[in-house]
Protein backbone atom coordinates (compact mmCIF):
# COMPACT_ATOMS: atom_id res chain seq x y z
CA UNK A 1 118.60 89.47 79.93
CA UNK A 2 115.52 90.70 78.14
CA UNK A 3 112.32 89.25 76.81
CA UNK A 4 110.25 91.00 74.17
CA UNK A 5 112.35 94.14 74.46
CA UNK A 6 112.09 94.52 78.22
CA UNK A 7 115.29 94.46 80.25
CA UNK A 8 114.30 92.58 83.40
CA UNK A 9 117.60 93.34 85.13
CA UNK A 10 116.73 97.03 84.78
CA UNK A 11 113.20 96.37 86.07
CA UNK A 12 114.51 94.54 89.15
CA UNK A 13 117.12 97.21 89.88
CA UNK A 14 114.52 99.96 89.39
CA UNK A 15 112.19 98.11 91.77
CA UNK A 16 114.86 97.74 94.45
CA UNK A 17 116.06 101.33 94.02
CA UNK A 18 112.50 102.60 94.47
CA UNK A 19 111.99 100.39 97.53
CA UNK A 20 115.23 101.71 99.07
CA UNK A 21 114.20 105.26 98.27
CA UNK A 22 110.89 104.70 100.05
CA UNK A 23 112.61 103.27 103.10
CA UNK A 24 114.86 106.32 103.35
CA UNK A 25 112.02 108.75 102.48
CA UNK A 26 109.66 107.54 105.18
CA UNK A 27 112.42 107.10 107.75
CA UNK A 28 113.48 110.72 107.30
CA UNK A 29 109.90 112.01 107.11
CA UNK A 30 108.36 109.63 109.67
CA UNK A 31 107.28 112.30 112.16
CA UNK A 32 105.74 114.74 109.64
CA UNK A 33 104.08 111.80 107.87
CA UNK A 34 102.54 110.47 111.12
CA UNK A 35 101.38 114.00 111.97
CA UNK A 36 99.80 114.30 108.50
CA UNK A 37 98.03 110.99 109.13
CA UNK A 38 96.80 112.35 112.45
CA UNK A 39 98.55 109.60 114.42
CA UNK A 40 101.15 109.56 117.14
CA UNK A 41 104.27 107.41 117.12
CA UNK A 42 102.80 105.39 119.98
CA UNK A 43 99.61 104.70 117.99
CA UNK A 44 101.63 103.54 114.97
CA UNK A 45 103.78 101.27 117.12
CA UNK A 46 100.72 99.81 118.83
CA UNK A 47 99.03 99.19 115.49
CA UNK A 48 102.15 97.39 114.23
CA UNK A 49 102.44 95.41 117.48
CA UNK A 50 98.88 94.13 117.08
CA UNK A 51 99.62 92.68 113.65
CA UNK A 52 100.58 89.05 113.57
CA UNK A 53 102.40 86.79 111.14
CA UNK A 54 101.83 87.58 107.49
CA UNK A 55 100.01 90.81 108.35
CA UNK A 56 103.35 92.32 109.40
CA UNK A 57 105.12 91.61 106.11
CA UNK A 58 102.17 91.83 103.70
CA UNK A 59 102.48 95.60 103.12
CA UNK A 60 106.16 95.17 102.20
CA UNK A 61 105.38 92.33 99.78
CA UNK A 62 102.58 94.38 98.24
CA UNK A 63 104.98 97.32 97.93
CA UNK A 64 107.64 95.27 96.12
CA UNK A 65 105.06 93.78 93.73
CA UNK A 66 103.54 97.20 93.03
CA UNK A 67 106.95 98.77 92.42
CA UNK A 68 107.84 95.90 90.06
CA UNK A 69 104.61 96.39 88.08
CA UNK A 70 105.21 100.14 88.03
CA UNK A 71 108.75 99.69 86.68
CA UNK A 72 107.55 97.15 84.12
CA UNK A 73 104.80 99.45 82.86
CA UNK A 74 107.16 102.42 82.76
CA UNK A 75 109.66 100.39 80.72
CA UNK A 76 106.89 99.28 78.38
CA UNK A 77 105.74 102.84 77.89
CA UNK A 78 109.29 104.07 77.31
CA UNK A 79 109.82 101.31 74.75
CA UNK A 80 106.54 102.17 73.07
CA UNK A 81 107.58 105.81 72.87
CA UNK A 82 111.00 104.78 71.58
CA UNK A 83 112.93 106.83 74.12
CA UNK A 84 114.71 104.38 76.41
CA UNK A 85 117.30 106.84 77.73
CA UNK A 86 117.90 108.38 81.14
CA UNK A 87 116.35 111.62 79.94
CA UNK A 88 113.42 109.77 78.35
CA UNK A 89 112.87 107.81 81.56
CA UNK A 90 112.88 110.88 83.75
CA UNK A 91 110.53 112.76 81.41
CA UNK A 92 108.19 109.77 81.12
CA UNK A 93 108.23 109.26 84.89
CA UNK A 94 107.39 112.91 85.46
CA UNK A 95 104.48 112.94 83.03
CA UNK A 96 103.06 109.67 84.39
CA UNK A 97 103.26 111.15 87.90
CA UNK A 98 101.66 114.43 86.83
CA UNK A 99 98.92 112.90 84.69
CA UNK A 100 97.98 109.86 86.75
CA UNK A 101 99.58 109.57 90.17
CA UNK A 102 99.30 112.99 91.81
CA UNK A 103 95.91 113.66 90.25
CA UNK A 104 94.52 110.37 91.60
CA UNK A 105 96.11 110.91 95.00
CA UNK A 106 94.81 114.46 95.16
CA UNK A 107 91.23 113.36 94.49
CA UNK A 108 91.42 110.39 96.90
CA UNK A 109 92.99 112.46 99.65
CA UNK A 110 90.52 115.31 99.18
CA UNK A 111 87.49 113.03 99.49
CA UNK A 112 88.97 111.10 102.42
CA UNK A 113 89.69 114.31 104.31
CA UNK A 114 93.45 113.75 104.44
CA UNK A 115 95.62 116.67 105.39
CA UNK A 116 97.28 118.40 102.42
CA UNK A 117 100.71 117.61 103.92
CA UNK A 118 99.98 113.90 103.50
CA UNK A 119 99.43 114.49 99.78
CA UNK A 120 102.67 116.47 99.60
CA UNK A 121 104.76 113.84 101.41
CA UNK A 122 103.26 110.83 99.63
CA UNK A 123 102.98 112.60 96.28
CA UNK A 124 106.60 113.71 96.23
CA UNK A 125 107.61 110.18 97.22
CA UNK A 126 105.86 108.79 94.14
CA UNK A 127 107.42 111.48 91.97
CA UNK A 128 110.87 110.47 93.23
CA UNK A 129 110.02 106.78 92.66
CA UNK A 130 109.01 107.35 89.05
CA UNK A 131 112.00 109.57 88.37
CA UNK A 132 114.48 107.05 89.79
CA UNK A 133 112.81 104.13 88.05
CA UNK A 134 112.78 106.00 84.73
CA UNK A 135 116.43 106.93 85.11
CA UNK A 136 117.46 103.36 85.95
CA UNK A 137 115.47 101.84 83.10
CA UNK A 138 116.80 104.47 80.70
CA UNK A 139 120.37 103.91 81.84
CA UNK A 140 120.11 100.18 81.06
CA UNK A 141 118.33 100.68 77.76
CA UNK A 142 116.79 97.75 75.93
């Protein structure tokens, strides 16, 4: 099931794998992440409680859409480079993370005054996302 050389089954699986990874990542690292944000568990729960209707699910919808776009762009880049393999996906994911993701996060977090641990937790999450997406896309090929 592909269109113009992109395997959309791989894109969807990569999207869902990355979403699942994020759910596990932030469940396991919830307390250090909240501490890095400078918030308590009670503050986070209260903030979530105050949200109503679509505001509660909007971040999850945005996350799925963003992960889909990320997987699609990664697949396009891998196809452009001509290395749609697991190794090629992992290498491409790493270099995208190093060149664009962690550098952007580092600058944004530095200017916003975020704690370095927030950059570590979030940055490593995005590294893991790109690595898993690259591996999935590479495993499916074109």
